[in-house]
Amino acid sequence: ASCSMDHPARLFDLNSGRCRQTFRGHVDSVNSVCWQPYTNNVCTGSGDKTVSLWDARSGLCVQTFYGHLNAVANIAVNNRGDAISSADADGVVKLWDIRMVAEIGTIEVSQHPVNATCFDRSGQRLVTASDDGLLRCYSTVDKSLLGELRGHEDAVQTVLLDPTDSKLVSASSDCTFRIWS
């Protein structure tokens, strides 16, 4: 699946390279896309301030989540596939319950844009990467700050936990990536 500045997201066949499905409905750029585990659903985050779930078979929008006041820059789905995190250009992260179709919390990370988020395996912690050069870890249960990682000299663009949650990888506009234990 791919995101695009021309508003739709697309699903490609890896063997043929052909577009198999086009997801139309956003009215601004699609900035982030990911799969919802254990389903045929694709999740998108858009410059139109929304997060949407799409059925990859039919191409239809299953659900749209509203609540951001600025463009959604990044989305992530937890391993259970029941929660979405969405990060925006205002430094706000929202957590969404997919089954209840409801916002379950807001985390005001920073006054700087949040560029990426990732859940740990349990879905109980969320790591954020932002333009202020910091990585922050939050509890998804009570939305409290659990810790910060400093070391990048410019905006942190992405963050990823390894499958065992023992290492964290971050990449920054300072032309470095870091591996945190």
N, C-alpha and C. Protein backbone atom coordinates (compact mmCIF):
# COMPACT_ATOMS: atom_id res chain seq x y z
N ALA A 1 0.85 -1.18 0.00
CA ALA A 1 0.00 0.00 0.00
C ALA A 1 0.90 1.24 0.00
N SER A 2 0.43 2.28 -0.65
CA SER A 2 1.22 3.52 -0.74
C SER A 2 0.34 4.73 -0.46
N CYS A 3 0.99 5.80 0.01
CA CYS A 3 0.28 7.05 0.21
C CYS A 3 0.75 8.04 -0.85
N SER A 4 0.02 9.16 -0.96
CA SER A 4 0.26 10.03 -2.09
C SER A 4 -0.16 11.47 -1.81
N MET A 5 0.50 12.40 -2.46
CA MET A 5 0.13 13.81 -2.37
C MET A 5 -1.13 14.13 -3.19
N ASP A 6 -1.51 13.23 -4.11
CA ASP A 6 -2.67 13.52 -4.98
C ASP A 6 -3.98 12.98 -4.41
N HIS A 7 -4.04 12.71 -3.11
CA HIS A 7 -5.22 12.40 -2.31
C HIS A 7 -5.59 10.93 -2.14
N PRO A 8 -5.47 10.03 -3.12
CA PRO A 8 -5.81 8.64 -2.81
C PRO A 8 -4.61 7.87 -2.27
N ALA A 9 -4.92 6.74 -1.65
CA ALA A 9 -3.91 5.73 -1.32
C ALA A 9 -4.11 4.60 -2.32
N ARG A 10 -3.07 3.82 -2.56
CA ARG A 10 -3.17 2.75 -3.55
C ARG A 10 -2.58 1.45 -2.99
N LEU A 11 -3.14 0.36 -3.49
CA LEU A 11 -2.67 -0.98 -3.13
C LEU A 11 -2.09 -1.61 -4.38
N PHE A 12 -0.85 -2.10 -4.28
CA PHE A 12 -0.16 -2.66 -5.43
C PHE A 12 0.06 -4.15 -5.27
N ASP A 13 0.05 -4.85 -6.37
CA ASP A 13 0.43 -6.26 -6.43
C ASP A 13 1.95 -6.29 -6.55
N LEU A 14 2.62 -6.92 -5.59
CA LEU A 14 4.08 -6.91 -5.60
C LEU A 14 4.68 -7.71 -6.76
N ASN A 15 3.98 -8.75 -7.21
CA ASN A 15 4.52 -9.57 -8.30
C ASN A 15 4.44 -8.85 -9.64
N SER A 16 3.30 -8.24 -9.92
CA SER A 16 3.13 -7.60 -11.22
C SER A 16 3.48 -6.11 -11.21
N GLY A 17 3.46 -5.50 -10.01
CA GLY A 17 3.70 -4.07 -9.91
C GLY A 17 2.50 -3.23 -10.27
N ARG A 18 1.37 -3.87 -10.52
CA ARG A 18 0.16 -3.15 -10.91
C ARG A 18 -0.64 -2.68 -9.71
N CYS A 19 -1.33 -1.57 -9.90
CA CYS A 19 -2.23 -1.06 -8.88
C CYS A 19 -3.48 -1.94 -8.87
N ARG A 20 -3.79 -2.51 -7.73
CA ARG A 20 -4.95 -3.39 -7.60
C ARG A 20 -6.17 -2.71 -6.99
N GLN A 21 -5.94 -1.65 -6.22
CA GLN A 21 -7.04 -0.96 -5.57
C GLN A 21 -6.64 0.49 -5.33
N THR A 22 -7.58 1.39 -5.49
CA THR A 22 -7.37 2.81 -5.19
C THR A 22 -8.39 3.22 -4.15
N PHE A 23 -7.90 3.81 -3.07
CA PHE A 23 -8.77 4.24 -1.96
C PHE A 23 -8.98 5.75 -2.09
N ARG A 24 -10.19 6.15 -2.53
CA ARG A 24 -10.50 7.55 -2.75
C ARG A 24 -11.46 8.05 -1.68
N GLY A 25 -11.22 9.24 -1.18
CA GLY A 25 -12.11 9.81 -0.17
C GLY A 25 -11.47 10.95 0.61
N HIS A 26 -10.15 10.91 0.76
CA HIS A 26 -9.47 12.02 1.43
C HIS A 26 -9.49 13.24 0.51
N VAL A 27 -9.53 14.43 1.10
CA VAL A 27 -9.57 15.66 0.32
C VAL A 27 -8.25 16.44 0.41
N ASP A 28 -7.24 15.78 0.93
CA ASP A 28 -5.89 16.35 0.99
C ASP A 28 -4.92 15.18 0.87
N SER A 29 -3.63 15.46 0.94
CA SER A 29 -2.62 14.42 0.79
C SER A 29 -2.81 13.28 1.79
N VAL A 30 -2.46 12.08 1.37
CA VAL A 30 -2.42 10.93 2.27
C VAL A 30 -0.96 10.82 2.71
N ASN A 31 -0.70 11.05 4.00
CA ASN A 31 0.67 11.17 4.51
C ASN A 31 1.21 9.90 5.12
N SER A 32 0.34 8.96 5.46
CA SER A 32 0.79 7.74 6.13
C SER A 32 -0.20 6.63 5.83
N VAL A 33 0.33 5.41 5.71
CA VAL A 33 -0.51 4.25 5.45
C VAL A 33 0.08 3.04 6.17
N CYS A 34 -0.78 2.19 6.70
CA CYS A 34 -0.32 0.93 7.31
C CYS A 34 -1.47 -0.07 7.31
N TRP A 35 -1.13 -1.34 7.47
CA TRP A 35 -2.12 -2.41 7.54
C TRP A 35 -2.63 -2.57 8.96
N GLN A 36 -3.91 -2.89 9.10
CA GLN A 36 -4.46 -3.29 10.39
C GLN A 36 -4.24 -4.79 10.51
N PRO A 37 -3.48 -5.24 11.56
CA PRO A 37 -3.18 -6.67 11.69
C PRO A 37 -4.44 -7.54 11.74
N TYR A 38 -4.31 -8.73 11.18
CA TYR A 38 -5.36 -9.77 11.21
C TYR A 38 -6.62 -9.38 10.45
N THR A 39 -6.52 -8.41 9.55
CA THR A 39 -7.68 -7.98 8.77
C THR A 39 -7.24 -7.71 7.33
N ASN A 40 -8.19 -7.35 6.51
CA ASN A 40 -7.91 -6.88 5.15
C ASN A 40 -8.04 -5.38 5.07
N ASN A 41 -7.85 -4.70 6.19
CA ASN A 41 -8.04 -3.25 6.25
C ASN A 41 -6.72 -2.51 6.16
N VAL A 42 -6.76 -1.40 5.43
CA VAL A 42 -5.64 -0.48 5.32
C VAL A 42 -6.04 0.80 6.06
N CYS A 43 -5.12 1.35 6.83
CA CYS A 43 -5.38 2.56 7.60
C CYS A 43 -4.59 3.71 6.96
N THR A 44 -5.22 4.87 6.83
CA THR A 44 -4.55 6.04 6.25
C THR A 44 -4.69 7.26 7.15
N GLY A 45 -3.68 8.11 7.12
CA GLY A 45 -3.70 9.39 7.82
C GLY A 45 -3.48 10.48 6.79
N SER A 46 -4.26 11.57 6.90
CA SER A 46 -4.27 12.53 5.81
C SER A 46 -4.08 13.98 6.27
N GLY A 47 -3.69 14.80 5.31
CA GLY A 47 -3.62 16.24 5.52
C GLY A 47 -4.98 16.87 5.74
N ASP A 48 -6.06 16.12 5.48
CA ASP A 48 -7.40 16.63 5.74
C ASP A 48 -7.82 16.46 7.19
N LYS A 49 -6.85 16.07 8.06
CA LYS A 49 -7.04 15.97 9.51
C LYS A 49 -7.82 14.74 9.94
N THR A 50 -7.91 13.74 9.07
CA THR A 50 -8.66 12.53 9.40
C THR A 50 -7.79 11.28 9.31
N VAL A 51 -8.29 10.23 9.96
CA VAL A 51 -7.72 8.88 9.88
C VAL A 51 -8.83 8.00 9.35
N SER A 52 -8.54 7.19 8.33
CA SER A 52 -9.57 6.33 7.75
C SER A 52 -9.12 4.88 7.67
N LEU A 53 -10.08 3.97 7.78
CA LEU A 53 -9.88 2.54 7.57
C LEU A 53 -10.57 2.16 6.28
N TRP A 54 -9.88 1.36 5.44
CA TRP A 54 -10.38 0.98 4.13
C TRP A 54 -10.37 -0.54 4.00
N ASP A 55 -11.39 -1.09 3.38
CA ASP A 55 -11.42 -2.51 3.05
C ASP A 55 -10.59 -2.69 1.79
N ALA A 56 -9.50 -3.46 1.88
CA ALA A 56 -8.59 -3.62 0.75
C ALA A 56 -9.24 -4.41 -0.39
N ARG A 57 -10.25 -5.22 -0.09
CA ARG A 57 -10.90 -6.00 -1.15
C ARG A 57 -11.86 -5.14 -1.97
N SER A 58 -12.67 -4.33 -1.30
CA SER A 58 -13.69 -3.54 -2.00
C SER A 58 -13.23 -2.13 -2.34
N GLY A 59 -12.24 -1.62 -1.60
CA GLY A 59 -11.79 -0.24 -1.80
C GLY A 59 -12.65 0.78 -1.08
N LEU A 60 -13.63 0.30 -0.31
CA LEU A 60 -14.55 1.20 0.38
C LEU A 60 -14.02 1.62 1.74
N CYS A 61 -14.37 2.84 2.13
CA CYS A 61 -14.00 3.34 3.46
C CYS A 61 -14.90 2.68 4.49
N VAL A 62 -14.28 2.02 5.47
CA VAL A 62 -15.00 1.33 6.53
C VAL A 62 -15.35 2.29 7.66
N GLN A 63 -14.39 3.17 7.99
CA GLN A 63 -14.58 4.10 9.10
C GLN A 63 -13.64 5.29 8.96
N THR A 64 -14.10 6.45 9.40
CA THR A 64 -13.24 7.64 9.45
C THR A 64 -13.28 8.21 10.86
N PHE A 65 -12.11 8.56 11.37
CA PHE A 65 -11.96 9.13 12.71
C PHE A 65 -11.65 10.62 12.56
N TYR A 66 -12.44 11.44 13.24
CA TYR A 66 -12.30 12.90 13.20
C TYR A 66 -11.86 13.40 14.57
N GLY A 67 -11.03 14.45 14.60
CA GLY A 67 -10.66 15.03 15.88
C GLY A 67 -9.38 15.85 15.84
N HIS A 68 -8.53 15.64 14.85
CA HIS A 68 -7.30 16.43 14.74
C HIS A 68 -7.63 17.83 14.26
N LEU A 69 -6.85 18.79 14.72
CA LEU A 69 -7.01 20.18 14.29
C LEU A 69 -5.98 20.58 13.24
N ASN A 70 -5.07 19.64 12.91
CA ASN A 70 -4.06 19.89 11.89
C ASN A 70 -3.81 18.60 11.13
N ALA A 71 -2.98 18.67 10.11
CA ALA A 71 -2.71 17.52 9.25
C ALA A 71 -2.17 16.34 10.04
N VAL A 72 -2.66 15.15 9.72
CA VAL A 72 -2.14 13.91 10.31
C VAL A 72 -0.90 13.51 9.54
N ALA A 73 0.22 13.43 10.25
CA ALA A 73 1.50 13.13 9.62
C ALA A 73 1.83 11.64 9.64
N ASN A 74 1.33 10.92 10.66
CA ASN A 74 1.72 9.53 10.84
C ASN A 74 0.63 8.77 11.57
N ILE A 75 0.50 7.50 11.22
CA ILE A 75 -0.41 6.61 11.93
C ILE A 75 0.30 5.30 12.23
N ALA A 76 -0.14 4.62 13.27
CA ALA A 76 0.36 3.29 13.60
C ALA A 76 -0.80 2.51 14.21
N VAL A 77 -0.80 1.21 13.98
CA VAL A 77 -1.81 0.33 14.57
C VAL A 77 -1.09 -0.63 15.50
N ASN A 78 -1.66 -0.87 16.69
CA ASN A 78 -1.01 -1.79 17.61
C ASN A 78 -1.11 -3.23 17.11
N ASN A 79 -0.34 -4.13 17.72
CA ASN A 79 -0.26 -5.52 17.26
C ASN A 79 -1.59 -6.26 17.35
N ARG A 80 -2.43 -5.92 18.30
CA ARG A 80 -3.73 -6.57 18.41
C ARG A 80 -4.70 -6.09 17.34
N GLY A 81 -4.39 -4.95 16.74
CA GLY A 81 -5.23 -4.40 15.69
C GLY A 81 -6.47 -3.71 16.19
N ASP A 82 -6.49 -3.34 17.48
CA ASP A 82 -7.69 -2.70 18.02
C ASP A 82 -7.50 -1.23 18.37
N ALA A 83 -6.30 -0.68 18.16
CA ALA A 83 -6.05 0.73 18.47
C ALA A 83 -5.14 1.36 17.41
N ILE A 84 -5.40 2.63 17.15
CA ILE A 84 -4.61 3.41 16.20
C ILE A 84 -4.03 4.59 16.96
N SER A 85 -2.77 4.93 16.65
CA SER A 85 -2.22 6.21 17.10
C SER A 85 -2.09 7.08 15.86
N SER A 86 -2.42 8.35 16.01
CA SER A 86 -2.25 9.29 14.90
C SER A 86 -1.56 10.54 15.43
N ALA A 87 -0.55 10.98 14.71
CA ALA A 87 0.27 12.12 15.13
C ALA A 87 0.07 13.26 14.15
N ASP A 88 0.03 14.49 14.68
CA ASP A 88 -0.22 15.62 13.79
C ASP A 88 0.84 16.71 13.87
N ALA A 89 0.68 17.70 13.02
CA ALA A 89 1.65 18.79 12.90
C ALA A 89 1.62 19.76 14.07
N ASP A 90 0.63 19.63 14.96
CA ASP A 90 0.55 20.47 16.16
C ASP A 90 1.27 19.85 17.35
N GLY A 91 1.86 18.67 17.18
CA GLY A 91 2.51 17.98 18.29
C GLY A 91 1.55 17.17 19.14
N VAL A 92 0.40 16.83 18.58
CA VAL A 92 -0.63 16.08 19.30
C VAL A 92 -0.70 14.66 18.76
N VAL A 93 -0.82 13.69 19.66
CA VAL A 93 -1.06 12.30 19.29
C VAL A 93 -2.42 11.91 19.84
N LYS A 94 -3.23 11.32 19.00
CA LYS A 94 -4.53 10.82 19.43
C LYS A 94 -4.51 9.30 19.35
N LEU A 95 -5.18 8.68 20.33
CA LEU A 95 -5.34 7.23 20.36
C LEU A 95 -6.80 6.93 20.08
N TRP A 96 -7.04 5.94 19.22
CA TRP A 96 -8.39 5.61 18.77
C TRP A 96 -8.68 4.14 19.04
N ASP A 97 -9.87 3.85 19.53
CA ASP A 97 -10.35 2.48 19.69
C ASP A 97 -11.09 2.12 18.41
N ILE A 98 -10.55 1.17 17.65
CA ILE A 98 -11.14 0.83 16.35
C ILE A 98 -12.51 0.20 16.52
N ARG A 99 -12.65 -0.70 17.50
CA ARG A 99 -13.93 -1.41 17.67
C ARG A 99 -15.05 -0.48 18.11
N MET A 100 -14.73 0.45 19.01
CA MET A 100 -15.74 1.37 19.54
C MET A 100 -15.89 2.62 18.66
N VAL A 101 -15.00 2.78 17.69
CA VAL A 101 -14.97 3.95 16.80
C VAL A 101 -14.98 5.22 17.65
N ALA A 102 -14.01 5.29 18.56
CA ALA A 102 -13.98 6.41 19.49
C ALA A 102 -12.54 6.80 19.83
N GLU A 103 -12.36 8.07 20.13
CA GLU A 103 -11.08 8.54 20.63
C GLU A 103 -10.94 8.08 22.08
N ILE A 104 -9.79 7.48 22.40
CA ILE A 104 -9.58 7.01 23.77
C ILE A 104 -8.55 7.83 24.52
N GLY A 105 -8.00 8.82 23.86
CA GLY A 105 -7.06 9.69 24.56
C GLY A 105 -6.31 10.61 23.64
N THR A 106 -5.81 11.69 24.22
CA THR A 106 -4.98 12.66 23.52
C THR A 106 -3.73 12.88 24.34
N ILE A 107 -2.59 12.89 23.66
CA ILE A 107 -1.31 13.18 24.31
C ILE A 107 -0.73 14.41 23.64
N GLU A 108 -0.52 15.45 24.40
CA GLU A 108 0.11 16.66 23.87
C GLU A 108 1.61 16.49 24.06
N VAL A 109 2.27 16.04 23.01
CA VAL A 109 3.68 15.65 23.08
C VAL A 109 4.59 16.87 23.16
N SER A 110 4.37 17.84 22.29
CA SER A 110 5.31 18.94 22.13
C SER A 110 4.63 20.07 21.36
N GLN A 111 5.27 21.22 21.34
CA GLN A 111 4.79 22.31 20.48
C GLN A 111 5.30 22.13 19.05
N HIS A 112 6.12 21.11 18.86
CA HIS A 112 6.69 20.81 17.55
C HIS A 112 5.93 19.64 16.93
N PRO A 113 5.90 19.54 15.60
CA PRO A 113 5.21 18.43 14.96
C PRO A 113 5.74 17.06 15.42
N VAL A 114 4.84 16.11 15.55
CA VAL A 114 5.21 14.71 15.81
C VAL A 114 5.24 14.02 14.46
N ASN A 115 6.39 13.43 14.13
CA ASN A 115 6.60 12.84 12.81
C ASN A 115 6.30 11.36 12.74
N ALA A 116 6.40 10.66 13.87
CA ALA A 116 6.19 9.21 13.84
C ALA A 116 5.84 8.70 15.23
N THR A 117 5.14 7.58 15.24
CA THR A 117 4.82 6.88 16.48
C THR A 117 4.98 5.38 16.24
N CYS A 118 5.19 4.64 17.31
CA CYS A 118 5.14 3.18 17.23
C CYS A 118 4.74 2.61 18.58
N PHE A 119 3.96 1.55 18.53
CA PHE A 119 3.54 0.84 19.73
C PHE A 119 4.55 -0.24 20.07
N ASP A 120 4.66 -0.58 21.38
CA ASP A 120 5.40 -1.77 21.75
C ASP A 120 4.51 -2.98 21.48
N ARG A 121 5.04 -4.19 21.69
CA ARG A 121 4.29 -5.41 21.40
C ARG A 121 2.99 -5.50 22.17
N SER A 122 3.00 -5.03 23.42
CA SER A 122 1.81 -5.15 24.27
C SER A 122 0.76 -4.10 23.96
N GLY A 123 1.15 -3.04 23.27
CA GLY A 123 0.24 -1.94 23.02
C GLY A 123 0.08 -1.02 24.22
N GLN A 124 0.85 -1.27 25.28
CA GLN A 124 0.75 -0.48 26.52
C GLN A 124 1.65 0.74 26.51
N ARG A 125 2.62 0.77 25.57
CA ARG A 125 3.53 1.92 25.47
C ARG A 125 3.56 2.40 24.03
N LEU A 126 3.75 3.71 23.90
CA LEU A 126 3.82 4.35 22.60
C LEU A 126 5.04 5.25 22.58
N VAL A 127 5.87 5.11 21.54
CA VAL A 127 7.05 5.95 21.39
C VAL A 127 6.77 6.96 20.29
N THR A 128 7.14 8.23 20.55
CA THR A 128 6.92 9.30 19.57
C THR A 128 8.26 9.90 19.14
N ALA A 129 8.32 10.36 17.90
CA ALA A 129 9.49 11.05 17.36
C ALA A 129 9.02 12.41 16.86
N SER A 130 9.73 13.47 17.26
CA SER A 130 9.23 14.80 16.90
C SER A 130 10.32 15.74 16.42
N ASP A 131 9.86 16.88 15.92
CA ASP A 131 10.76 17.89 15.35
C ASP A 131 11.69 18.53 16.37
N ASP A 132 11.41 18.38 17.66
CA ASP A 132 12.30 18.96 18.67
C ASP A 132 13.51 18.07 18.95
N GLY A 133 13.67 16.97 18.19
CA GLY A 133 14.83 16.10 18.32
C GLY A 133 14.72 15.06 19.42
N LEU A 134 13.56 14.95 20.04
CA LEU A 134 13.39 14.01 21.16
C LEU A 134 12.52 12.83 20.79
N LEU A 135 12.83 11.71 21.45
CA LEU A 135 11.96 10.55 21.44
C LEU A 135 11.33 10.49 22.82
N ARG A 136 10.03 10.23 22.86
CA ARG A 136 9.33 10.15 24.14
C ARG A 136 8.54 8.85 24.18
N CYS A 137 8.47 8.28 25.38
CA CYS A 137 7.70 7.06 25.58
C CYS A 137 6.54 7.37 26.53
N TYR A 138 5.34 6.96 26.13
CA TYR A 138 4.13 7.22 26.91
C TYR A 138 3.41 5.92 27.24
N SER A 139 2.70 5.92 28.34
CA SER A 139 1.78 4.84 28.66
C SER A 139 0.50 5.07 27.87
N THR A 140 0.02 4.05 27.18
CA THR A 140 -1.25 4.20 26.48
C THR A 140 -2.43 4.02 27.43
N VAL A 141 -2.15 3.54 28.64
CA VAL A 141 -3.21 3.32 29.61
C VAL A 141 -3.61 4.64 30.27
N ASP A 142 -2.63 5.35 30.86
CA ASP A 142 -2.95 6.61 31.55
C ASP A 142 -2.38 7.84 30.85
N LYS A 143 -1.76 7.65 29.69
CA LYS A 143 -1.22 8.73 28.84
C LYS A 143 -0.07 9.49 29.49
N SER A 144 0.55 8.89 30.51
CA SER A 144 1.65 9.55 31.21
C SER A 144 2.98 9.38 30.46
N LEU A 145 3.86 10.36 30.63
CA LEU A 145 5.19 10.30 30.05
C LEU A 145 6.04 9.34 30.88
N LEU A 146 6.61 8.32 30.22
CA LEU A 146 7.44 7.34 30.91
C LEU A 146 8.93 7.67 30.81
N GLY A 147 9.32 8.41 29.77
CA GLY A 147 10.73 8.76 29.61
C GLY A 147 11.00 9.46 28.29
N GLU A 148 12.19 10.08 28.23
CA GLU A 148 12.64 10.78 27.03
C GLU A 148 14.01 10.28 26.64
N LEU A 149 14.29 10.27 25.34
CA LEU A 149 15.62 9.95 24.84
C LEU A 149 16.14 11.14 24.06
N ARG A 150 17.33 11.59 24.44
CA ARG A 150 17.97 12.73 23.77
C ARG A 150 19.25 12.24 23.11
N GLY A 151 19.60 12.84 21.99
CA GLY A 151 20.82 12.47 21.31
C GLY A 151 20.87 12.97 19.88
N HIS A 152 19.72 13.13 19.28
CA HIS A 152 19.69 13.69 17.92
C HIS A 152 19.83 15.21 17.99
N GLU A 153 20.43 15.78 16.96
CA GLU A 153 20.65 17.21 16.91
C GLU A 153 19.66 17.95 16.02
N ASP A 154 18.71 17.21 15.44
CA ASP A 154 17.69 17.82 14.59
C ASP A 154 16.42 16.97 14.71
N ALA A 155 15.43 17.29 13.93
CA ALA A 155 14.14 16.60 13.98
C ALA A 155 14.31 15.09 13.83
N VAL A 156 13.58 14.34 14.65
CA VAL A 156 13.55 12.88 14.50
C VAL A 156 12.39 12.56 13.59
N GLN A 157 12.69 11.89 12.48
CA GLN A 157 11.69 11.66 11.44
C GLN A 157 10.93 10.35 11.59
N THR A 158 11.58 9.33 12.16
CA THR A 158 10.91 8.04 12.30
C THR A 158 11.48 7.27 13.48
N VAL A 159 10.68 6.32 13.96
CA VAL A 159 11.08 5.50 15.09
C VAL A 159 10.45 4.12 14.92
N LEU A 160 11.18 3.09 15.35
CA LEU A 160 10.70 1.72 15.21
C LEU A 160 11.27 0.86 16.33
N LEU A 161 10.43 0.06 16.95
CA LEU A 161 10.88 -0.92 17.94
C LEU A 161 11.12 -2.25 17.25
N ASP A 162 12.15 -2.98 17.69
CA ASP A 162 12.38 -4.31 17.14
C ASP A 162 11.29 -5.26 17.67
N PRO A 163 11.13 -6.43 17.07
CA PRO A 163 10.05 -7.33 17.47
C PRO A 163 10.09 -7.81 18.92
N THR A 164 11.24 -7.69 19.58
CA THR A 164 11.33 -8.11 20.98
C THR A 164 11.23 -6.95 21.96
N ASP A 165 11.07 -5.75 21.46
CA ASP A 165 11.03 -4.52 22.27
C ASP A 165 12.33 -4.25 23.02
N SER A 166 13.43 -4.87 22.59
CA SER A 166 14.69 -4.66 23.30
C SER A 166 15.52 -3.54 22.69
N LYS A 167 15.24 -3.16 21.45
CA LYS A 167 15.97 -2.08 20.80
C LYS A 167 15.00 -1.16 20.08
N LEU A 168 15.39 0.10 20.03
CA LEU A 168 14.62 1.14 19.37
C LEU A 168 15.54 1.77 18.33
N VAL A 169 15.05 1.97 17.12
CA VAL A 169 15.83 2.62 16.07
C VAL A 169 15.14 3.92 15.72
N SER A 170 15.92 5.00 15.65
CA SER A 170 15.39 6.30 15.26
C SER A 170 16.27 6.89 14.17
N ALA A 171 15.64 7.67 13.29
CA ALA A 171 16.37 8.34 12.21
C ALA A 171 16.01 9.81 12.24
N SER A 172 17.01 10.65 11.96
CA SER A 172 16.84 12.08 12.15
C SER A 172 17.28 12.88 10.94
N SER A 173 16.82 14.12 10.89
CA SER A 173 17.26 15.06 9.86
C SER A 173 18.71 15.48 10.04
N ASP A 174 19.33 15.09 11.16
CA ASP A 174 20.75 15.38 11.36
C ASP A 174 21.64 14.37 10.62
N CYS A 175 21.03 13.56 9.74
CA CYS A 175 21.73 12.57 8.91
C CYS A 175 22.28 11.41 9.71
N THR A 176 21.65 11.10 10.86
CA THR A 176 22.09 9.95 11.65
C THR A 176 20.88 9.07 11.96
N PHE A 177 21.18 7.82 12.24
CA PHE A 177 20.18 6.95 12.87
C PHE A 177 20.83 6.43 14.13
N ARG A 178 20.03 6.14 15.12
CA ARG A 178 20.54 5.67 16.39
C ARG A 178 19.80 4.40 16.78
N ILE A 179 20.55 3.51 17.44
CA ILE A 179 19.98 2.30 17.99
C ILE A 179 20.06 2.43 19.50
N TRP A 180 18.91 2.37 20.14
CA TRP A 180 18.81 2.56 21.59
C TRP A 180 18.48 1.21 22.23
N SER A 181 19.16 0.91 23.34
CA SER A 181 18.87 -0.34 24.06
C SER A 181 18.07 -0.07 25.30
